[in-house]
Each structure stands twice: as C-alpha cells, then as structure tokens.
Amino acid sequence: MGIKSLLTAFKVSAGARLTMVCLLSFLLPACTVKLVQPYDEKLFNDTEAFYKKAAEMIEQGKLVSPVTDEQRAEIAKPAEHPGHITAFEPKYLALFLDSDALILRAMANSQAVDSMGSNIQNSLNDVIDKSIPSSCPELVQELGKVSLTAMNFVDLKCTVLKWRDQHRDDSFTQGKRILKKSNWEGRKIAIFDTILAIQKAEGFKKNK
C-alpha cells in the first residue's frame, strides 16, 4: 500500500496530524527516514504554559458572563460590561503572540525531518486538508508548507482566532459582543482536548 493510500485509510482529524505520523514511525521501525522532528522540551513546556494562559482567560470569562440569553439581553451598556470583547482583546492578543512563538519554534526545528519525511508529511497534510478544510485558510496560505509539528500550532492559533471572531460577532452574541457562560465552558473542553493531543504526540517522541 502506498503512503498516501495508507493515510487516506485513516479518518484523521487536523488535531491528530502529529499523532498519526508518530504512529507511522512506530510502524516502520526499520526505516531510516526521519518522519518527525525530535522531542523538544521547550516546545512541550511552552505548550503547557499556553494552556494555562488560555484556561485562565476562560475562567475569567465564565465568572463575568451571563448564563442565559435573557440575562444578556438585559445588559443596557454592553461596552461597559466586564464580559465585553473590549475587555478580552488584550487576552486574545497575548494568546496570538504565544501561538506565533510556538509556530516559530516548531518551524525552526523542522530541518530535522529529511526530504522523504517532509514529502510524507505533506501527503498527510493534503489528505487532512481535503477531508477537513481549514477554518483559517488565510493563515495557512500565509505560512505555506510547514511541518506537521508546526501545523498543530497553526491549528491552535486558528482556534483562538475563531474564538475572538465569535466574541466580536453581533449575530452570535445578540448584538452585545458578550459571550455566555456556556460558550466559555465549551472552550475549556476544546482547548483541553487540543493541548492534550499535542502533548501526547510530543511525549510519544520523547519516549520512543
């Protein structure tokens, strides 16, 4: 079976890019192809720090946001409310900067993957992107071809970009630009699962 056929056989989500390549490297122990970047302790630790910062923002959002649509509709001066987008713009910006630093770190270490490994990674990315189109095509186009490790952090930044866009969206927030508590709770689950998948993949590389 060709490598692209093997990749197509798996129902791979964007968040599982690196995990899938780690699995391939495990299934091909005799292969000398460098499929993935080596374990990077700083990248691992900085990813954990990113989660802590995102989780802190989410907890703050839960504390100040209304529970129901009715409660949100009663807010007379939304721009002065502690849950308004203007109160959270600096927090989103901080996460953007941190995600950019993670992407740069991952991209800087991508030379550890040889040319054949890069081709395999590109095939995997193509399969994933065709089945699950990116929510941030402009961001992906701006960065161009990147390693699977870096792409995990591109997906992470895309998640935060979507969060900010929702917070700014009048139709999503009843014209208040204030989220509900349940929105923040959903974000907590999503970011936890995303970071856990990345950390598991990095941990696999450390222990292999």
N, C-alpha and C. Protein backbone atom coordinates (compact mmCIF):
# COMPACT_ATOMS: atom_id res chain seq x y z
N MET A 1 0.85 -1.19 0.00
CA MET A 1 0.00 0.00 0.00
C MET A 1 0.89 1.24 0.00
N GLY A 2 0.62 2.22 -0.91
CA GLY A 2 1.39 3.45 -0.94
C GLY A 2 1.13 4.29 0.28
N ILE A 3 2.06 5.23 0.56
CA ILE A 3 1.91 6.03 1.78
C ILE A 3 0.64 6.88 1.75
N LYS A 4 0.28 7.41 0.56
CA LYS A 4 -0.93 8.23 0.51
C LYS A 4 -2.17 7.39 0.72
N SER A 5 -2.17 6.16 0.16
CA SER A 5 -3.30 5.26 0.38
C SER A 5 -3.43 4.90 1.85
N LEU A 6 -2.29 4.70 2.51
CA LEU A 6 -2.30 4.38 3.94
C LEU A 6 -2.89 5.52 4.74
N LEU A 7 -2.51 6.74 4.39
CA LEU A 7 -3.02 7.90 5.11
C LEU A 7 -4.51 8.07 4.88
N THR A 8 -4.95 7.85 3.62
CA THR A 8 -6.36 8.01 3.30
C THR A 8 -7.21 6.99 4.05
N ALA A 9 -6.64 5.83 4.34
CA ALA A 9 -7.39 4.77 5.03
C ALA A 9 -7.75 5.16 6.44
N PHE A 10 -7.01 6.11 7.02
CA PHE A 10 -7.29 6.55 8.38
C PHE A 10 -8.19 7.77 8.35
N LYS A 11 -9.17 7.83 9.26
CA LYS A 11 -10.02 9.00 9.40
C LYS A 11 -9.30 9.96 10.34
N VAL A 12 -8.46 10.81 9.77
CA VAL A 12 -7.58 11.64 10.58
C VAL A 12 -8.14 13.04 10.72
N SER A 13 -8.22 13.54 11.93
CA SER A 13 -8.62 14.92 12.16
C SER A 13 -7.40 15.80 12.17
N ALA A 14 -7.62 17.12 12.01
CA ALA A 14 -6.50 18.05 11.98
C ALA A 14 -5.71 18.00 13.27
N GLY A 15 -6.37 17.78 14.39
CA GLY A 15 -5.69 17.74 15.67
C GLY A 15 -4.85 16.50 15.88
N ALA A 16 -4.96 15.53 14.97
CA ALA A 16 -4.24 14.26 15.12
C ALA A 16 -3.08 14.13 14.14
N ARG A 17 -2.68 15.22 13.49
CA ARG A 17 -1.64 15.16 12.47
C ARG A 17 -0.37 14.52 13.01
N LEU A 18 0.14 15.08 14.11
CA LEU A 18 1.41 14.61 14.63
C LEU A 18 1.29 13.20 15.20
N THR A 19 0.17 12.91 15.84
CA THR A 19 -0.05 11.58 16.39
C THR A 19 0.00 10.54 15.27
N MET A 20 -0.58 10.87 14.13
CA MET A 20 -0.60 9.93 13.01
C MET A 20 0.81 9.66 12.50
N VAL A 21 1.63 10.69 12.38
CA VAL A 21 2.99 10.50 11.90
C VAL A 21 3.81 9.71 12.91
N CYS A 22 3.60 9.96 14.20
CA CYS A 22 4.29 9.17 15.22
C CYS A 22 3.91 7.70 15.10
N LEU A 23 2.65 7.44 14.78
CA LEU A 23 2.21 6.06 14.59
C LEU A 23 2.92 5.45 13.39
N LEU A 24 3.05 6.21 12.32
CA LEU A 24 3.74 5.70 11.14
C LEU A 24 5.19 5.37 11.45
N SER A 25 5.83 6.24 12.21
CA SER A 25 7.24 6.00 12.54
C SER A 25 7.37 4.76 13.43
N PHE A 26 6.35 4.51 14.25
CA PHE A 26 6.36 3.32 15.11
C PHE A 26 6.15 2.05 14.27
N LEU A 27 5.30 2.16 13.24
CA LEU A 27 5.02 1.00 12.40
C LEU A 27 6.17 0.68 11.45
N LEU A 28 7.07 1.65 11.26
CA LEU A 28 8.18 1.46 10.34
C LEU A 28 9.52 1.58 11.07
N PRO A 29 9.77 0.73 12.07
CA PRO A 29 10.95 0.88 12.91
C PRO A 29 12.25 0.67 12.16
N ALA A 30 12.21 -0.09 11.07
CA ALA A 30 13.45 -0.36 10.34
C ALA A 30 13.77 0.72 9.33
N CYS A 31 12.83 1.65 9.16
CA CYS A 31 13.00 2.70 8.16
C CYS A 31 13.94 3.78 8.70
N THR A 32 14.85 4.24 7.82
CA THR A 32 15.79 5.28 8.24
C THR A 32 15.27 6.68 7.93
N VAL A 33 14.08 6.77 7.35
CA VAL A 33 13.50 8.07 7.03
C VAL A 33 13.17 8.82 8.33
N LYS A 34 13.58 10.08 8.40
CA LYS A 34 13.23 10.91 9.56
C LYS A 34 11.86 11.53 9.32
N LEU A 35 10.83 10.91 9.93
CA LEU A 35 9.45 11.33 9.69
C LEU A 35 9.04 12.52 10.54
N VAL A 36 9.55 12.59 11.76
CA VAL A 36 9.10 13.64 12.67
C VAL A 36 10.28 14.34 13.31
N GLN A 37 10.00 15.57 13.76
CA GLN A 37 11.02 16.31 14.48
C GLN A 37 11.28 15.65 15.83
N PRO A 38 12.49 15.78 16.36
CA PRO A 38 12.78 15.19 17.67
C PRO A 38 12.01 15.91 18.77
N TYR A 39 11.91 15.25 19.90
CA TYR A 39 11.25 15.84 21.06
C TYR A 39 11.93 17.15 21.44
N ASP A 40 11.11 18.16 21.71
CA ASP A 40 11.61 19.49 22.06
C ASP A 40 11.02 19.86 23.43
N GLU A 41 11.85 19.82 24.45
CA GLU A 41 11.35 20.05 25.81
C GLU A 41 10.79 21.46 25.98
N LYS A 42 11.43 22.45 25.37
CA LYS A 42 10.93 23.82 25.48
C LYS A 42 9.57 23.95 24.81
N LEU A 43 9.41 23.33 23.65
CA LEU A 43 8.12 23.38 22.96
C LEU A 43 7.04 22.71 23.81
N PHE A 44 7.39 21.61 24.44
CA PHE A 44 6.46 20.90 25.33
C PHE A 44 6.05 21.80 26.49
N ASN A 45 7.03 22.42 27.15
CA ASN A 45 6.75 23.26 28.31
C ASN A 45 5.99 24.53 27.93
N ASP A 46 6.33 25.11 26.78
CA ASP A 46 5.65 26.33 26.34
C ASP A 46 4.21 26.04 25.94
N THR A 47 3.96 24.83 25.45
CA THR A 47 2.59 24.43 25.12
C THR A 47 1.75 24.34 26.39
N GLU A 48 2.34 23.81 27.44
CA GLU A 48 1.64 23.74 28.73
C GLU A 48 1.37 25.14 29.27
N ALA A 49 2.33 26.03 29.11
CA ALA A 49 2.16 27.42 29.56
C ALA A 49 1.04 28.10 28.76
N PHE A 50 0.95 27.78 27.48
CA PHE A 50 -0.13 28.33 26.64
C PHE A 50 -1.49 27.88 27.17
N TYR A 51 -1.58 26.60 27.51
CA TYR A 51 -2.84 26.09 28.06
C TYR A 51 -3.23 26.83 29.33
N LYS A 52 -2.27 27.05 30.21
CA LYS A 52 -2.57 27.73 31.47
C LYS A 52 -3.09 29.14 31.23
N LYS A 53 -2.48 29.84 30.28
CA LYS A 53 -2.92 31.21 29.98
C LYS A 53 -4.33 31.20 29.38
N ALA A 54 -4.57 30.25 28.45
CA ALA A 54 -5.90 30.16 27.84
C ALA A 54 -6.95 29.78 28.88
N ALA A 55 -6.61 28.83 29.75
CA ALA A 55 -7.56 28.39 30.78
C ALA A 55 -7.87 29.52 31.76
N GLU A 56 -6.87 30.32 32.07
CA GLU A 56 -7.09 31.46 32.97
C GLU A 56 -8.07 32.46 32.35
N MET A 57 -7.89 32.75 31.05
CA MET A 57 -8.81 33.65 30.37
C MET A 57 -10.23 33.08 30.36
N ILE A 58 -10.34 31.78 30.12
CA ILE A 58 -11.65 31.13 30.09
C ILE A 58 -12.34 31.21 31.45
N GLU A 59 -11.60 30.96 32.51
CA GLU A 59 -12.20 31.04 33.85
C GLU A 59 -12.66 32.46 34.16
N GLN A 60 -11.89 33.45 33.75
CA GLN A 60 -12.31 34.84 33.95
C GLN A 60 -13.58 35.13 33.16
N GLY A 61 -13.64 34.59 31.94
CA GLY A 61 -14.83 34.79 31.13
C GLY A 61 -16.07 34.17 31.76
N LYS A 62 -15.91 32.98 32.31
CA LYS A 62 -17.04 32.31 32.96
C LYS A 62 -17.56 33.12 34.14
N LEU A 63 -16.65 33.73 34.88
CA LEU A 63 -17.04 34.48 36.08
C LEU A 63 -17.88 35.72 35.76
N VAL A 64 -17.59 36.37 34.63
CA VAL A 64 -18.24 37.67 34.36
C VAL A 64 -19.33 37.59 33.31
N SER A 65 -19.57 36.42 32.73
CA SER A 65 -20.52 36.33 31.63
C SER A 65 -21.89 35.86 32.09
N PRO A 66 -22.95 36.32 31.42
CA PRO A 66 -24.31 35.89 31.78
C PRO A 66 -24.53 34.42 31.47
N VAL A 67 -25.51 33.85 32.14
CA VAL A 67 -25.80 32.43 31.96
C VAL A 67 -26.78 32.20 30.81
N THR A 68 -27.78 33.07 30.68
CA THR A 68 -28.84 32.87 29.68
C THR A 68 -28.89 34.01 28.68
N ASP A 69 -29.59 33.76 27.58
CA ASP A 69 -29.81 34.81 26.58
C ASP A 69 -30.60 35.97 27.18
N GLU A 70 -31.53 35.64 28.06
CA GLU A 70 -32.36 36.67 28.68
C GLU A 70 -31.51 37.60 29.55
N GLN A 71 -30.60 37.03 30.30
CA GLN A 71 -29.71 37.86 31.13
C GLN A 71 -28.83 38.75 30.27
N ARG A 72 -28.35 38.20 29.16
CA ARG A 72 -27.50 39.00 28.28
C ARG A 72 -28.31 40.14 27.64
N ALA A 73 -29.54 39.85 27.25
CA ALA A 73 -30.39 40.86 26.61
C ALA A 73 -30.68 42.04 27.54
N GLU A 74 -30.65 41.79 28.84
CA GLU A 74 -30.94 42.85 29.81
C GLU A 74 -29.76 43.79 30.07
N ILE A 75 -28.59 43.49 29.53
CA ILE A 75 -27.41 44.34 29.74
C ILE A 75 -27.58 45.62 28.93
N ALA A 76 -27.74 46.74 29.61
CA ALA A 76 -28.06 48.02 28.96
C ALA A 76 -26.84 48.67 28.31
N LYS A 77 -25.70 48.55 28.95
CA LYS A 77 -24.48 49.17 28.42
C LYS A 77 -23.41 48.10 28.23
N PRO A 78 -23.52 47.33 27.15
CA PRO A 78 -22.61 46.19 26.96
C PRO A 78 -21.14 46.57 26.90
N ALA A 79 -20.82 47.75 26.34
CA ALA A 79 -19.42 48.15 26.22
C ALA A 79 -18.76 48.35 27.57
N GLU A 80 -19.56 48.56 28.62
CA GLU A 80 -19.02 48.75 29.97
C GLU A 80 -19.03 47.46 30.78
N HIS A 81 -19.55 46.40 30.21
CA HIS A 81 -19.66 45.12 30.92
C HIS A 81 -18.30 44.43 30.94
N PRO A 82 -17.93 43.77 32.04
CA PRO A 82 -16.63 43.10 32.12
C PRO A 82 -16.48 41.91 31.17
N GLY A 83 -17.59 41.44 30.59
CA GLY A 83 -17.52 40.34 29.64
C GLY A 83 -17.45 40.79 28.19
N HIS A 84 -17.45 42.10 27.96
CA HIS A 84 -17.44 42.64 26.60
C HIS A 84 -16.12 42.33 25.90
N ILE A 85 -16.17 42.27 24.57
CA ILE A 85 -14.98 41.95 23.78
C ILE A 85 -13.82 42.89 24.08
N THR A 86 -14.09 44.14 24.35
CA THR A 86 -13.01 45.10 24.60
C THR A 86 -12.20 44.73 25.84
N ALA A 87 -12.83 44.07 26.79
CA ALA A 87 -12.12 43.65 28.00
C ALA A 87 -11.23 42.44 27.74
N PHE A 88 -11.51 41.71 26.65
CA PHE A 88 -10.77 40.48 26.37
C PHE A 88 -9.83 40.59 25.18
N GLU A 89 -9.88 41.68 24.45
CA GLU A 89 -8.98 41.83 23.30
C GLU A 89 -7.50 41.65 23.68
N PRO A 90 -7.03 42.26 24.80
CA PRO A 90 -5.62 42.05 25.16
C PRO A 90 -5.29 40.59 25.47
N LYS A 91 -6.25 39.86 26.00
CA LYS A 91 -6.01 38.45 26.33
C LYS A 91 -5.92 37.61 25.04
N TYR A 92 -6.79 37.90 24.07
CA TYR A 92 -6.69 37.21 22.79
C TYR A 92 -5.35 37.53 22.13
N LEU A 93 -4.95 38.79 22.16
CA LEU A 93 -3.68 39.20 21.55
C LEU A 93 -2.51 38.45 22.18
N ALA A 94 -2.53 38.31 23.50
CA ALA A 94 -1.45 37.59 24.19
C ALA A 94 -1.38 36.14 23.73
N LEU A 95 -2.54 35.51 23.52
CA LEU A 95 -2.56 34.12 23.04
C LEU A 95 -2.09 34.03 21.59
N PHE A 96 -2.41 35.05 20.77
CA PHE A 96 -1.91 35.07 19.40
C PHE A 96 -0.39 35.12 19.38
N LEU A 97 0.17 35.99 20.22
CA LEU A 97 1.62 36.12 20.27
C LEU A 97 2.28 34.82 20.75
N ASP A 98 1.68 34.19 21.74
CA ASP A 98 2.23 32.93 22.25
C ASP A 98 2.13 31.82 21.20
N SER A 99 1.03 31.78 20.48
CA SER A 99 0.89 30.75 19.44
C SER A 99 1.86 31.00 18.30
N ASP A 100 2.12 32.27 17.98
CA ASP A 100 3.12 32.59 16.96
C ASP A 100 4.50 32.10 17.39
N ALA A 101 4.81 32.28 18.68
CA ALA A 101 6.10 31.82 19.19
C ALA A 101 6.22 30.30 19.11
N LEU A 102 5.13 29.59 19.37
CA LEU A 102 5.13 28.13 19.26
C LEU A 102 5.33 27.70 17.81
N ILE A 103 4.65 28.40 16.89
CA ILE A 103 4.80 28.08 15.46
C ILE A 103 6.25 28.31 15.02
N LEU A 104 6.83 29.44 15.44
CA LEU A 104 8.22 29.76 15.06
C LEU A 104 9.18 28.70 15.60
N ARG A 105 8.97 28.28 16.85
CA ARG A 105 9.84 27.28 17.45
C ARG A 105 9.76 25.97 16.67
N ALA A 106 8.53 25.57 16.34
CA ALA A 106 8.34 24.32 15.61
C ALA A 106 8.93 24.41 14.20
N MET A 107 8.75 25.55 13.54
CA MET A 107 9.27 25.72 12.19
C MET A 107 10.80 25.74 12.18
N ALA A 108 11.39 26.34 13.21
CA ALA A 108 12.85 26.44 13.28
C ALA A 108 13.49 25.06 13.41
N ASN A 109 12.78 24.11 14.00
CA ASN A 109 13.34 22.77 14.21
C ASN A 109 12.92 21.78 13.13
N SER A 110 12.21 22.25 12.11
CA SER A 110 11.68 21.34 11.10
C SER A 110 12.75 20.76 10.19
N GLN A 111 13.95 21.37 10.19
CA GLN A 111 15.01 20.86 9.32
C GLN A 111 15.49 19.47 9.75
N ALA A 112 15.08 19.04 10.95
CA ALA A 112 15.46 17.71 11.43
C ALA A 112 14.78 16.61 10.62
N VAL A 113 13.69 16.96 9.92
CA VAL A 113 12.99 15.99 9.08
C VAL A 113 13.62 15.98 7.70
N ASP A 114 13.99 14.81 7.19
CA ASP A 114 14.65 14.77 5.88
C ASP A 114 13.63 14.94 4.75
N SER A 115 14.12 15.00 3.51
CA SER A 115 13.26 15.33 2.37
C SER A 115 12.14 14.31 2.17
N MET A 116 12.45 13.01 2.33
CA MET A 116 11.41 12.00 2.17
C MET A 116 10.37 12.13 3.27
N GLY A 117 10.83 12.39 4.51
CA GLY A 117 9.90 12.58 5.61
C GLY A 117 9.00 13.78 5.37
N SER A 118 9.56 14.85 4.80
CA SER A 118 8.78 16.04 4.50
C SER A 118 7.71 15.74 3.46
N ASN A 119 8.07 14.94 2.46
CA ASN A 119 7.09 14.56 1.43
C ASN A 119 5.94 13.78 2.04
N ILE A 120 6.26 12.87 2.97
CA ILE A 120 5.22 12.10 3.64
C ILE A 120 4.33 13.02 4.47
N GLN A 121 4.94 13.96 5.16
CA GLN A 121 4.17 14.91 5.96
C GLN A 121 3.25 15.75 5.07
N ASN A 122 3.76 16.19 3.93
CA ASN A 122 2.94 16.98 3.01
C ASN A 122 1.75 16.16 2.50
N SER A 123 1.99 14.86 2.22
CA SER A 123 0.90 14.00 1.78
C SER A 123 -0.18 13.88 2.86
N LEU A 124 0.26 13.73 4.10
CA LEU A 124 -0.68 13.63 5.20
C LEU A 124 -1.48 14.92 5.35
N ASN A 125 -0.79 16.06 5.30
CA ASN A 125 -1.49 17.34 5.40
C ASN A 125 -2.51 17.51 4.27
N ASP A 126 -2.15 17.08 3.06
CA ASP A 126 -3.07 17.19 1.93
C ASP A 126 -4.32 16.35 2.16
N VAL A 127 -4.14 15.14 2.69
CA VAL A 127 -5.28 14.27 2.95
C VAL A 127 -6.20 14.90 3.99
N ILE A 128 -5.61 15.40 5.06
CA ILE A 128 -6.41 16.01 6.12
C ILE A 128 -7.13 17.25 5.62
N ASP A 129 -6.41 18.13 4.92
CA ASP A 129 -6.99 19.40 4.49
C ASP A 129 -8.09 19.21 3.46
N LYS A 130 -8.02 18.15 2.67
CA LYS A 130 -9.08 17.88 1.70
C LYS A 130 -10.33 17.36 2.39
N SER A 131 -10.16 16.57 3.43
CA SER A 131 -11.31 16.00 4.14
C SER A 131 -11.86 16.96 5.18
N ILE A 132 -10.97 17.78 5.77
CA ILE A 132 -11.39 18.76 6.78
C ILE A 132 -10.75 20.10 6.41
N PRO A 133 -11.39 20.90 5.56
CA PRO A 133 -10.81 22.18 5.14
C PRO A 133 -10.52 23.07 6.35
N SER A 134 -9.42 23.80 6.29
CA SER A 134 -9.03 24.66 7.40
C SER A 134 -10.05 25.76 7.62
N SER A 135 -10.27 26.10 8.90
CA SER A 135 -11.14 27.23 9.24
C SER A 135 -10.42 28.55 9.07
N CYS A 136 -9.12 28.49 8.85
CA CYS A 136 -8.32 29.71 8.69
C CYS A 136 -7.46 29.60 7.43
N PRO A 137 -8.08 29.57 6.26
CA PRO A 137 -7.31 29.39 5.02
C PRO A 137 -6.28 30.49 4.79
N GLU A 138 -6.60 31.73 5.21
CA GLU A 138 -5.65 32.83 5.02
C GLU A 138 -4.38 32.59 5.82
N LEU A 139 -4.53 32.10 7.04
CA LEU A 139 -3.38 31.82 7.90
C LEU A 139 -2.53 30.71 7.31
N VAL A 140 -3.17 29.66 6.83
CA VAL A 140 -2.46 28.54 6.23
C VAL A 140 -1.73 28.99 4.97
N GLN A 141 -2.39 29.81 4.16
CA GLN A 141 -1.76 30.31 2.93
C GLN A 141 -0.57 31.21 3.25
N GLU A 142 -0.71 32.01 4.29
CA GLU A 142 0.36 32.92 4.68
C GLU A 142 1.62 32.15 5.08
N LEU A 143 1.45 31.06 5.80
CA LEU A 143 2.60 30.30 6.29
C LEU A 143 3.14 29.33 5.25
N GLY A 144 2.29 28.89 4.31
CA GLY A 144 2.74 27.94 3.30
C GLY A 144 2.94 26.55 3.88
N LYS A 145 3.81 25.77 3.24
CA LYS A 145 4.06 24.40 3.68
C LYS A 145 4.86 24.42 4.98
N VAL A 146 4.32 23.81 6.01
CA VAL A 146 5.03 23.72 7.28
C VAL A 146 5.00 22.27 7.75
N SER A 147 5.85 21.95 8.72
CA SER A 147 5.90 20.59 9.24
C SER A 147 4.63 20.26 10.00
N LEU A 148 4.44 18.96 10.24
CA LEU A 148 3.27 18.53 11.00
C LEU A 148 3.27 19.09 12.41
N THR A 149 4.44 19.18 13.02
CA THR A 149 4.52 19.75 14.36
C THR A 149 4.06 21.19 14.33
N ALA A 150 4.57 21.97 13.38
CA ALA A 150 4.17 23.37 13.28
C ALA A 150 2.68 23.50 12.96
N MET A 151 2.16 22.58 12.14
CA MET A 151 0.76 22.66 11.75
C MET A 151 -0.16 22.47 12.93
N ASN A 152 0.26 21.69 13.91
CA ASN A 152 -0.54 21.56 15.13
C ASN A 152 -0.74 22.91 15.80
N PHE A 153 0.30 23.73 15.79
CA PHE A 153 0.22 25.04 16.44
C PHE A 153 -0.48 26.08 15.55
N VAL A 154 -0.43 25.86 14.24
CA VAL A 154 -1.24 26.68 13.34
C VAL A 154 -2.72 26.43 13.64
N ASP A 155 -3.07 25.15 13.80
CA ASP A 155 -4.46 24.80 14.16
C ASP A 155 -4.84 25.42 15.51
N LEU A 156 -3.89 25.46 16.43
CA LEU A 156 -4.14 26.03 17.75
C LEU A 156 -4.43 27.53 17.64
N LYS A 157 -3.61 28.24 16.85
CA LYS A 157 -3.85 29.67 16.66
C LYS A 157 -5.18 29.91 15.96
N CYS A 158 -5.52 29.05 15.01
CA CYS A 158 -6.79 29.16 14.31
C CYS A 158 -7.97 29.07 15.29
N THR A 159 -7.85 28.18 16.26
CA THR A 159 -8.90 28.04 17.27
C THR A 159 -9.12 29.35 18.02
N VAL A 160 -8.03 30.00 18.42
CA VAL A 160 -8.15 31.25 19.17
C VAL A 160 -8.68 32.37 18.28
N LEU A 161 -8.28 32.37 17.01
CA LEU A 161 -8.83 33.36 16.06
C LEU A 161 -10.34 33.22 15.95
N LYS A 162 -10.82 31.99 15.88
CA LYS A 162 -12.26 31.74 15.81
C LYS A 162 -12.95 32.21 17.09
N TRP A 163 -12.31 32.00 18.23
CA TRP A 163 -12.87 32.46 19.50
C TRP A 163 -13.08 33.97 19.47
N ARG A 164 -12.05 34.69 19.05
CA ARG A 164 -12.16 36.16 19.03
C ARG A 164 -13.23 36.61 18.05
N ASP A 165 -13.29 35.96 16.88
CA ASP A 165 -14.30 36.34 15.89
C ASP A 165 -15.71 36.12 16.43
N GLN A 166 -15.92 35.03 17.16
CA GLN A 166 -17.22 34.79 17.78
C GLN A 166 -17.55 35.88 18.79
N HIS A 167 -16.56 36.27 19.58
CA HIS A 167 -16.76 37.28 20.62
C HIS A 167 -17.10 38.63 20.00
N ARG A 168 -16.59 38.89 18.79
CA ARG A 168 -16.86 40.14 18.09
C ARG A 168 -18.15 40.11 17.29
N ASP A 169 -18.70 38.92 17.10
CA ASP A 169 -19.82 38.72 16.18
C ASP A 169 -21.15 39.14 16.81
N ASP A 170 -21.78 40.15 16.22
CA ASP A 170 -23.05 40.63 16.76
C ASP A 170 -24.14 39.57 16.67
N SER A 171 -24.17 38.81 15.58
CA SER A 171 -25.22 37.80 15.44
C SER A 171 -25.03 36.66 16.44
N PHE A 172 -23.79 36.34 16.76
CA PHE A 172 -23.51 35.26 17.72
C PHE A 172 -23.80 35.69 19.15
N THR A 173 -23.69 36.99 19.43
CA THR A 173 -23.82 37.50 20.81
C THR A 173 -25.03 38.41 21.00
N GLN A 174 -26.01 38.31 20.13
CA GLN A 174 -27.23 39.14 20.24
C GLN A 174 -26.90 40.63 20.20
N GLY A 175 -25.87 40.99 19.49
CA GLY A 175 -25.52 42.40 19.37
C GLY A 175 -24.81 42.98 20.58
N LYS A 176 -24.49 42.14 21.56
CA LYS A 176 -23.87 42.62 22.80
C LYS A 176 -22.35 42.45 22.80
N ARG A 177 -21.85 41.56 21.98
CA ARG A 177 -20.42 41.21 21.98
C ARG A 177 -19.97 40.74 23.37
N ILE A 178 -20.87 39.99 23.99
CA ILE A 178 -20.62 39.35 25.28
C ILE A 178 -21.02 37.88 25.14
N LEU A 179 -20.13 36.99 25.52
CA LEU A 179 -20.42 35.57 25.44
C LEU A 179 -21.24 35.10 26.64
N LYS A 180 -21.83 33.94 26.54
CA LYS A 180 -22.50 33.32 27.68
C LYS A 180 -21.52 32.38 28.39
N LYS A 181 -21.87 32.05 29.60
CA LYS A 181 -21.02 31.15 30.39
C LYS A 181 -20.80 29.82 29.67
N SER A 182 -21.83 29.31 29.01
CA SER A 182 -21.72 28.02 28.31
C SER A 182 -20.73 28.09 27.16
N ASN A 183 -20.58 29.26 26.52
CA ASN A 183 -19.59 29.41 25.46
C ASN A 183 -18.19 29.20 26.00
N TRP A 184 -17.93 29.79 27.15
CA TRP A 184 -16.62 29.65 27.77
C TRP A 184 -16.37 28.21 28.22
N GLU A 185 -17.41 27.56 28.73
CA GLU A 185 -17.26 26.18 29.18
C GLU A 185 -16.92 25.26 27.99
N GLY A 186 -17.53 25.51 26.84
CA GLY A 186 -17.22 24.73 25.65
C GLY A 186 -15.78 24.94 25.20
N ARG A 187 -15.30 26.17 25.36
CA ARG A 187 -13.92 26.47 25.01
C ARG A 187 -12.94 25.73 25.91
N LYS A 188 -13.27 25.61 27.16
CA LYS A 188 -12.39 24.92 28.11
C LYS A 188 -12.19 23.47 27.69
N ILE A 189 -13.28 22.81 27.30
CA ILE A 189 -13.19 21.42 26.86
C ILE A 189 -12.37 21.32 25.58
N ALA A 190 -12.63 22.23 24.64
CA ALA A 190 -11.95 22.17 23.34
C ALA A 190 -10.44 22.39 23.48
N ILE A 191 -10.03 23.38 24.27
CA ILE A 191 -8.60 23.67 24.39
C ILE A 191 -7.90 22.57 25.19
N PHE A 192 -8.58 22.00 26.16
CA PHE A 192 -8.00 20.90 26.93
C PHE A 192 -7.72 19.71 26.01
N ASP A 193 -8.71 19.35 25.18
CA ASP A 193 -8.55 18.20 24.29
C ASP A 193 -7.45 18.46 23.26
N THR A 194 -7.38 19.68 22.75
CA THR A 194 -6.37 20.02 21.74
C THR A 194 -4.97 19.95 22.32
N ILE A 195 -4.77 20.57 23.47
CA ILE A 195 -3.45 20.56 24.09
C ILE A 195 -3.05 19.15 24.51
N LEU A 196 -4.00 18.39 25.01
CA LEU A 196 -3.70 17.01 25.41
C LEU A 196 -3.22 16.19 24.22
N ALA A 197 -3.86 16.36 23.06
CA ALA A 197 -3.45 15.62 21.86
C ALA A 197 -2.04 16.00 21.45
N ILE A 198 -1.72 17.29 21.50
CA ILE A 198 -0.38 17.75 21.13
C ILE A 198 0.65 17.21 22.11
N GLN A 199 0.36 17.28 23.41
CA GLN A 199 1.30 16.83 24.41
C GLN A 199 1.53 15.31 24.35
N LYS A 200 0.48 14.58 24.06
CA LYS A 200 0.63 13.13 23.91
C LYS A 200 1.55 12.80 22.74
N ALA A 201 1.37 13.53 21.63
CA ALA A 201 2.20 13.29 20.47
C ALA A 201 3.66 13.63 20.75
N GLU A 202 3.89 14.75 21.43
CA GLU A 202 5.26 15.13 21.77
C GLU A 202 5.85 14.13 22.77
N GLY A 203 5.05 13.70 23.73
CA GLY A 203 5.53 12.74 24.71
C GLY A 203 5.90 11.41 24.06
N PHE A 204 5.16 11.02 23.03
CA PHE A 204 5.47 9.79 22.30
C PHE A 204 6.87 9.88 21.70
N LYS A 205 7.20 11.05 21.14
CA LYS A 205 8.53 11.22 20.55
C LYS A 205 9.63 11.12 21.61
N LYS A 206 9.35 11.64 22.80
CA LYS A 206 10.34 11.59 23.88
C LYS A 206 10.62 10.16 24.31
N ASN A 207 9.55 9.37 24.38
CA ASN A 207 9.68 8.01 24.92
C ASN A 207 10.04 6.98 23.87
N LYS A 208 10.00 7.34 22.59
CA LYS A 208 10.27 6.35 21.53
C LYS A 208 11.75 5.97 21.52
